[in-house]
C-alpha atoms as a PDB file:
ATOM      1  CA  MET A   1      -1.765  27.468  20.802  1.00  0.00           C
ATOM      2  CA  ILE A   2      -2.170  24.597  23.254  1.00  0.00           C
ATOM      3  CA  GLN A   3      -5.768  24.164  24.364  1.00  0.00           C
ATOM      4  CA  LYS A   4      -6.545  24.325  28.067  1.00  0.00           C
ATOM      5  CA  PRO A   5      -7.186  20.740  29.199  1.00  0.00           C
ATOM      6  CA  GLN A   6     -10.652  19.504  29.999  1.00  0.00           C
ATOM      7  CA  PRO A   7     -11.724  17.594  33.118  1.00  0.00           C
ATOM      8  CA  GLY A   8     -10.725  13.975  32.619  1.00  0.00           C
ATOM      9  CA  GLU A   9      -7.289  14.989  31.351  1.00  0.00           C
ATOM     10  CA  TYR A  10      -5.989  15.503  34.894  1.00  0.00           C
ATOM     11  CA  ASN A  11      -6.645  14.589  38.506  1.00  0.00           C
ATOM     12  CA  PRO A  12      -9.317  16.857  40.059  1.00  0.00           C
ATOM     13  CA  TYR A  13      -6.731  17.769  42.734  1.00  0.00           C
ATOM     14  CA  TYR A  14      -5.172  20.101  40.132  1.00  0.00           C
ATOM     15  CA  GLU A  15      -8.426  21.898  39.298  1.00  0.00           C
ATOM     16  CA  PRO A  16      -7.581  24.976  41.423  1.00  0.00           C
ATOM     17  CA  TYR A  17      -4.375  25.414  39.400  1.00  0.00           C
ATOM     18  CA  LEU A  18      -6.196  25.163  36.079  1.00  0.00           C
ATOM     19  CA  GLN A  19      -8.916  27.554  37.229  1.00  0.00           C
ATOM     20  CA  LEU A  20      -6.248  30.250  37.372  1.00  0.00           C
ATOM     21  CA  PHE A  21      -6.308  30.395  33.557  1.00  0.00           C
ATOM     22  CA  THR A  22      -8.801  31.260  30.856  1.00  0.00           C
ATOM     23  CA  ASN A  23      -9.453  29.120  27.799  1.00  0.00           C
ATOM     24  CA  ASP A  24      -7.357  31.490  25.692  1.00  0.00           C
ATOM     25  CA  THR A  25      -4.254  31.340  27.919  1.00  0.00           C
ATOM     26  CA  ASP A  26      -1.109  30.727  25.882  1.00  0.00           C
ATOM     27  CA  VAL A  27       0.601  28.400  28.332  1.00  0.00           C
ATOM     28  CA  LEU A  28       3.916  28.339  26.469  1.00  0.00           C
ATOM     29  CA  ASP A  29       4.156  32.126  26.534  1.00  0.00           C
ATOM     30  CA  LEU A  30       3.062  32.151  30.175  1.00  0.00           C
ATOM     31  CA  LEU A  31       5.777  29.683  31.169  1.00  0.00           C
ATOM     32  CA  GLN A  32       8.407  32.017  29.711  1.00  0.00           C
ATOM     33  CA  LYS A  33       6.953  35.089  31.413  1.00  0.00           C
ATOM     34  CA  GLN A  34       6.709  33.370  34.787  1.00  0.00           C
ATOM     35  CA  GLN A  35      10.473  32.956  34.919  1.00  0.00           C
ATOM     36  CA  GLN A  36      10.833  36.733  34.770  1.00  0.00           C
ATOM     37  CA  GLU A  37       8.171  37.112  37.458  1.00  0.00           C
ATOM     38  CA  VAL A  38      10.035  34.756  39.796  1.00  0.00           C
ATOM     39  CA  VAL A  39      13.279  36.710  39.353  1.00  0.00           C
ATOM     40  CA  GLN A  40      11.491  40.035  39.833  1.00  0.00           C
ATOM     41  CA  LEU A  41       9.637  38.835  42.928  1.00  0.00           C
ATOM     42  CA  LEU A  42      12.430  36.946  44.674  1.00  0.00           C
ATOM     43  CA  GLY A  43      15.294  39.067  43.386  1.00  0.00           C
ATOM     44  CA  ARG A  44      14.507  41.636  46.072  1.00  0.00           C
ATOM     45  CA  VAL A  45      14.657  39.065  48.899  1.00  0.00           C
ATOM     46  CA  THR A  46      17.935  39.076  50.824  1.00  0.00           C
ATOM     47  CA  GLU A  47      19.751  35.853  51.655  1.00  0.00           C
ATOM     48  CA  GLY A  48      18.894  36.453  55.317  1.00  0.00           C
ATOM     49  CA  ASP A  49      15.194  36.912  54.582  1.00  0.00           C
ATOM     50  CA  ALA A  50      15.151  33.784  52.392  1.00  0.00           C
ATOM     51  CA  ASP A  51      15.052  31.661  55.563  1.00  0.00           C
ATOM     52  CA  PHE A  52      11.798  33.355  56.643  1.00  0.00           C
ATOM     53  CA  ALA A  53       8.652  31.259  57.119  1.00  0.00           C
ATOM     54  CA  TYR A  54       5.413  33.138  57.766  1.00  0.00           C
ATOM     55  CA  GLU A  55       4.513  30.877  60.695  1.00  0.00           C
ATOM     56  CA  PRO A  56       6.009  27.918  62.568  1.00  0.00           C
ATOM     57  CA  GLY A  57       5.804  24.667  60.629  1.00  0.00           C
ATOM     58  CA  LYS A  58       5.613  26.381  57.238  1.00  0.00           C
ATOM     59  CA  TRP A  59       8.343  26.221  54.639  1.00  0.00           C
ATOM     60  CA  SER A  60      10.881  29.012  54.331  1.00  0.00           C
ATOM     61  CA  ILE A  61      11.112  31.029  51.129  1.00  0.00           C
ATOM     62  CA  LYS A  62      14.072  28.867  50.079  1.00  0.00           C
ATOM     63  CA  GLU A  63      12.142  25.677  50.811  1.00  0.00           C
ATOM     64  CA  LEU A  64       9.141  26.951  48.890  1.00  0.00           C
ATOM     65  CA  LEU A  65      11.280  27.762  45.862  1.00  0.00           C
ATOM     66  CA  GLY A  66      13.000  24.376  46.156  1.00  0.00           C
ATOM     67  CA  HIS A  67       9.563  22.721  46.237  1.00  0.00           C
ATOM     68  CA  MET A  68       8.563  24.643  43.114  1.00  0.00           C
ATOM     69  CA  ASN A  69      11.753  23.435  41.414  1.00  0.00           C
ATOM     70  CA  ASP A  70      11.216  19.805  42.429  1.00  0.00           C
ATOM     71  CA  THR A  71       7.591  19.856  41.332  1.00  0.00           C
ATOM     72  CA  GLU A  72       8.425  21.291  37.933  1.00  0.00           C
ATOM     73  CA  LYS A  73      11.082  18.615  37.398  1.00  0.00           C
ATOM     74  CA  ILE A  74       8.556  15.907  38.243  1.00  0.00           C
ATOM     75  CA  MET A  75       5.765  17.341  36.091  1.00  0.00           C
ATOM     76  CA  ALA A  76       8.138  17.888  33.158  1.00  0.00           C
ATOM     77  CA  TYR A  77       9.372  14.299  33.519  1.00  0.00           C
ATOM     78  CA  ARG A  78       5.772  13.100  33.489  1.00  0.00           C
ATOM     79  CA  ALA A  79       5.139  15.185  30.361  1.00  0.00           C
ATOM     80  CA  LEU A  80       8.193  13.629  28.695  1.00  0.00           C
ATOM     81  CA  CYS A  81       7.002  10.122  29.567  1.00  0.00           C
ATOM     82  CA  VAL A  82       3.467  10.716  28.306  1.00  0.00           C
ATOM     83  CA  ALA A  83       4.689  12.505  25.184  1.00  0.00           C
ATOM     84  CA  ARG A  84       6.896   9.531  24.345  1.00  0.00           C
ATOM     85  CA  GLY A  85       4.052   7.051  24.788  1.00  0.00           C
ATOM     86  CA  GLU A  86       4.899   5.559  28.178  1.00  0.00           C
ATOM     87  CA  ASN A  87       2.225   3.038  29.136  1.00  0.00           C
ATOM     88  CA  GLN A  88       3.397   2.353  32.691  1.00  0.00           C
ATOM     89  CA  PRO A  89       1.728   4.306  35.505  1.00  0.00           C
ATOM     90  CA  LEU A  90       3.990   7.038  36.862  1.00  0.00           C
ATOM     91  CA  PRO A  91       4.348   7.337  40.644  1.00  0.00           C
ATOM     92  CA  GLY A  92       3.114  10.139  42.838  1.00  0.00           C
ATOM     93  CA  PHE A  93       5.301  11.987  45.327  1.00  0.00           C
ATOM     94  CA  ASP A  94       4.982  13.479  48.777  1.00  0.00           C
ATOM     95  CA  GLU A  95       6.135  17.097  48.638  1.00  0.00           C
ATOM     96  CA  ASN A  96       6.626  17.280  52.404  1.00  0.00           C
ATOM     97  CA  THR A  97       8.957  14.279  52.360  1.00  0.00           C
ATOM     98  CA  TYR A  98      10.872  15.775  49.434  1.00  0.00           C
ATOM     99  CA  VAL A  99      11.389  19.085  51.236  1.00  0.00           C
ATOM    100  CA  ALA A 100      12.286  17.341  54.504  1.00  0.00           C
ATOM    101  CA  ASN A 101      14.957  15.332  52.677  1.00  0.00           C
ATOM    102  CA  SER A 102      16.349  18.266  50.713  1.00  0.00           C
ATOM    103  CA  ASN A 103      19.195  20.621  51.483  1.00  0.00           C
ATOM    104  CA  PHE A 104      17.239  23.751  50.531  1.00  0.00           C
ATOM    105  CA  LYS A 105      17.947  25.354  53.921  1.00  0.00           C
ATOM    106  CA  ASP A 106      21.687  24.998  53.315  1.00  0.00           C
ATOM    107  CA  ARG A 107      21.614  26.511  49.835  1.00  0.00           C
ATOM    108  CA  THR A 108      21.591  30.144  48.855  1.00  0.00           C
ATOM    109  CA  LEU A 109      18.525  31.756  47.419  1.00  0.00           C
ATOM    110  CA  SER A 110      20.577  32.740  44.389  1.00  0.00           C
ATOM    111  CA  SER A 111      21.470  29.094  43.695  1.00  0.00           C
ATOM    112  CA  LEU A 112      17.809  28.091  43.940  1.00  0.00           C
ATOM    113  CA  LEU A 113      16.879  30.931  41.569  1.00  0.00           C
ATOM    114  CA  GLU A 114      19.580  29.820  39.145  1.00  0.00           C
ATOM    115  CA  GLU A 115      18.264  26.261  39.319  1.00  0.00           C
ATOM    116  CA  HIS A 116      14.737  27.537  38.667  1.00  0.00           C
ATOM    117  CA  ALA A 117      15.913  29.365  35.545  1.00  0.00           C
ATOM    118  CA  VAL A 118      17.582  26.225  34.190  1.00  0.00           C
ATOM    119  CA  ILE A 119      14.582  24.019  34.945  1.00  0.00           C
ATOM    120  CA  ARG A 120      12.160  26.499  33.384  1.00  0.00           C
ATOM    121  CA  ALA A 121      14.318  26.954  30.284  1.00  0.00           C
ATOM    122  CA  ASN A 122      14.359  23.174  29.877  1.00  0.00           C
ATOM    123  CA  SER A 123      10.577  22.922  30.295  1.00  0.00           C
ATOM    124  CA  VAL A 124       9.899  25.722  27.820  1.00  0.00           C
ATOM    125  CA  PHE A 125      12.326  24.268  25.286  1.00  0.00           C
ATOM    126  CA  PHE A 126      10.814  20.787  25.649  1.00  0.00           C
ATOM    127  CA  PHE A 127       7.195  21.909  25.319  1.00  0.00           C
ATOM    128  CA  ASN A 128       8.083  24.048  22.285  1.00  0.00           C
ATOM    129  CA  THR A 129       9.468  20.976  20.495  1.00  0.00           C
ATOM    130  CA  LEU A 130       6.202  19.039  20.713  1.00  0.00           C
ATOM    131  CA  SER A 131       3.616  18.758  17.989  1.00  0.00           C
ATOM    132  CA  GLU A 132       0.086  19.921  18.681  1.00  0.00           C
ATOM    133  CA  GLU A 133      -1.076  16.295  18.548  1.00  0.00           C
ATOM    134  CA  THR A 134       1.395  15.305  21.259  1.00  0.00           C
ATOM    135  CA  PHE A 135      -0.234  17.652  23.775  1.00  0.00           C
ATOM    136  CA  SER A 136      -3.412  15.555  23.627  1.00  0.00           C
ATOM    137  CA  ARG A 137      -1.662  12.296  24.565  1.00  0.00           C
ATOM    138  CA  ILE A 138      -2.830  10.860  27.845  1.00  0.00           C
ATOM    139  CA  GLY A 139      -0.886   8.746  30.294  1.00  0.00           C
ATOM    140  CA  ASN A 140      -1.287   7.866  33.940  1.00  0.00           C
ATOM    141  CA  ALA A 141       0.386   9.596  36.870  1.00  0.00           C
ATOM    142  CA  ASN A 142      -0.333   8.999  40.536  1.00  0.00           C
ATOM    143  CA  GLY A 143      -3.287   6.783  39.622  1.00  0.00           C
ATOM    144  CA  SER A 144      -5.050   9.310  37.371  1.00  0.00           C
ATOM    145  CA  PRO A 145      -5.153  10.103  33.674  1.00  0.00           C
ATOM    146  CA  VAL A 146      -3.077  13.099  32.641  1.00  0.00           C
ATOM    147  CA  SER A 147      -2.442  14.738  29.275  1.00  0.00           C
ATOM    148  CA  VAL A 148       0.745  16.456  28.180  1.00  0.00           C
ATOM    149  CA  ALA A 149      -1.236  19.706  27.886  1.00  0.00           C
ATOM    150  CA  ALA A 150      -2.529  19.299  31.439  1.00  0.00           C
ATOM    151  CA  LEU A 151       1.021  18.890  32.705  1.00  0.00           C
ATOM    152  CA  ALA A 152       2.112  22.126  31.025  1.00  0.00           C
ATOM    153  CA  PHE A 153      -0.831  23.949  32.614  1.00  0.00           C
ATOM    154  CA  ILE A 154      -0.202  22.264  35.988  1.00  0.00           C
ATOM    155  CA  ILE A 155       3.398  23.528  35.957  1.00  0.00           C
ATOM    156  CA  ALA A 156       2.187  27.062  35.251  1.00  0.00           C
ATOM    157  CA  GLY A 157      -0.693  26.836  37.727  1.00  0.00           C
ATOM    158  CA  HIS A 158       1.432  25.384  40.495  1.00  0.00           C
ATOM    159  CA  GLU A 159       3.914  28.205  40.072  1.00  0.00           C
ATOM    160  CA  ARG A 160       1.206  30.890  39.992  1.00  0.00           C
ATOM    161  CA  HIS A 161      -0.342  29.396  43.133  1.00  0.00           C
ATOM    162  CA  HIS A 162       2.947  29.590  45.024  1.00  0.00           C
ATOM    163  CA  LEU A 163       3.832  33.037  43.704  1.00  0.00           C
ATOM    164  CA  ASN A 164       0.494  34.232  45.055  1.00  0.00           C
ATOM    165  CA  ILE A 165       1.309  32.683  48.435  1.00  0.00           C
ATOM    166  CA  LEU A 166       4.718  34.351  48.407  1.00  0.00           C
ATOM    167  CA  LYS A 167       3.103  37.731  47.754  1.00  0.00           C
ATOM    168  CA  GLU A 168       0.288  37.299  50.282  1.00  0.00           C
ATOM    169  CA  ARG A 169       1.999  35.521  53.186  1.00  0.00           C
ATOM    170  CA  TYR A 170       5.753  35.958  52.930  1.00  0.00           C
ATOM    171  CA  LEU A 171       6.805  39.160  51.233  1.00  0.00           C
ATOM    172  CA  VAL A 172       4.371  41.342  53.164  1.00  0.00           C
ATOM    173  CA  LYS A 173       6.106  40.287  56.407  1.00  0.00           C
ATOM    174  CA  ILE A 174       9.767  40.766  55.489  1.00  0.00           C
END
């Protein structure tokens, strides 16, 4: 089982995501289960409701899912780089710019869900191929140290964070 990362293995910005888990969380199992949770949660949303935003200026359900997809791609890429021993600092990204320059509004919810399933399957497969030692490797992303283990937990924590927002702010209003 991959150990939950310690402070110093990730930027403090991600602390709220890591606080969502206990020290005995099996992150690889959790990543698999989250895919089912996404399908169960968003599978009941109609295409018409997928354009809903809970208040002006907030992302729609489709944009939120697209953001989750983009973020997982980026974090998985960072994990690949660190796992392979990349010594160059990896860049940050501005999620608002990414969403603004996406075509999430023009896509169907079902296509975004399909993309999520592919991305998550890739992440799970990748993390399951790594040795235990590899999870402790540390690189640099967005100006901060980050371990491969931290990136796996950040992916899971980021998704849990947004699933909670979907439940609390979106799905109760549609």
